[in-house]
Amino acid sequence: MSTHECADVFQAIGDEVARTWARTGFRDEDFPAIATDVLARAAVARHVSARDVLRYVIETPTLPFQQNDGSRFGEPPVGVYWHPRFYVEALFWLTGTATAHNHAFAGAFAVLDGQCIHTEYAFTLEEEHPDEIAFGAIALTDSALHATGHVETIEPGDAFVHAVFHVGRPSASLVVRTHSKSVGAGRQYIPPGLRVGPAFEDQLSRRRLQALGLLLQLASADYESAARQVMDAGGLRTAFNVLQQLTDLAPLSPMRAPIVAHATTRWGASIDRIERALAVQQRQRLGMMARRRVQRSDDLLLLGLLLLEENWRAIGDRLRQWAMAGSADEAAAWLAAGLDRLAACGAWGVALDADVRQAVIASAREAVAERASDAREPAPVPVPVQGQVQGQGPRRAHADILIGPFCARTSEPVVS
């Protein structure tokens, strides 16, 4: 596709969203459904690839206003249409994040290239503290493997909490979204039960944390007392910030135990809940950093499952849900080989744990065996995708992705 043709596709999508939304009086609540419908009917992945977008960036004499010019959300983010009320952006992913999060905007995204594991969550609030830190129960509500062309609706705030693991190098998505403005959005949800959002941070607090980081990296004898002082001068969010920095910069530091003990004397069980969440976050972070060393698509799928599934025995259930085909022996062999390759490249150290390894493999064996007994059931009937507008939105049809010896049945929208 030529640069001019690529620009025309994006212009047509943006103009259609603008016209349709204008007819509703630009009501915020209408935008997610409109964006979903326009993206699905455009079937943009049939016409534009990630390679086309990169060629467009290189060759075009001008680009639309780059709303996220300095953002790290996307590798890179490429603005392809701008409107005073919304914009369209192509996002490329080599690493990304496995952390569940919500959004400060509304809209929809289409998988432009590659596939992705998409998980959705519900958060039940139990205990809330100042400065956007809260505890509760995080429950996985849905998980799917999405193929190129799939369209997903984005609701703002806590109505849509999700995580996306991109399978492909690179993966790309096209997002139609409003400008950020939602209160209580931009939050992260870290198992087993921590919610953290963007909080006000004054210059003094920021500089104190930076100074602590320097002392920590210098292995200074002053670090422990300084960390105590900083935590004593702030609230629970400050304690979280200090412990998170310690996890990021020196996770095995012997100074951690006395600092955690000091924080516990003031905040009690809340510190234990933070510590458990930080352990999960560190595991996800290391997995995503090592993702660059994983080349095979089936290994990326397995890594994504390990990162997104808190209960590892549920991996077999996920394989069954995605309609994997193949024998139990093939499932066991694929998982065993994949775990070995991930361990060999340092992408998943826990794959060396014999108990975990056997639990995952046994779960897959059982799931595939159950799937074989389910094979006689009639195929599922396509269901409407969320965000459908007046019956004119997309329907879900089934597409196949080959993953190792298996075939995953995924959801791919088609124009109704």
Foldseek 3Di string as FASTA:
>chain_A
DDLVVVLVLQVVLVVQLVVVCVVVVVDQVQALLSQQFSLLVSLVLVPDAPVSVVVNVVPPPDAPDDPPPPDPQAPPWGWSADDPWWTKIKGKDDFFFQWKFAALKWYKKFWNDAKKKKWWWAWDFDADDPFFKGWTAIGTDDIFIAHHFAMATHDGARVTIMGMQTQDVMIMMMIIITDGDHPRHQWTAFPRIMIGHHGDDDPVLVVLLVVLLVCVLVVHPCNLVSLLVSDVVDDPVSLLSNLLSCCVRPVPDPSNVVSLVSVCVPVNCVSVRSVVRSVLRSQRVLLSVLSNVDDASLLSVVSSLVSNDPPLLCVLVVCLVQLKADALVQLLVSLLVSLVVCCVSVNHVCSPVPVSVVSNSVSNSVSNVVSVVVVVPDDDDWDDHPSHDPPFGWIWDWDWDDRRPIITTGTHTHGD
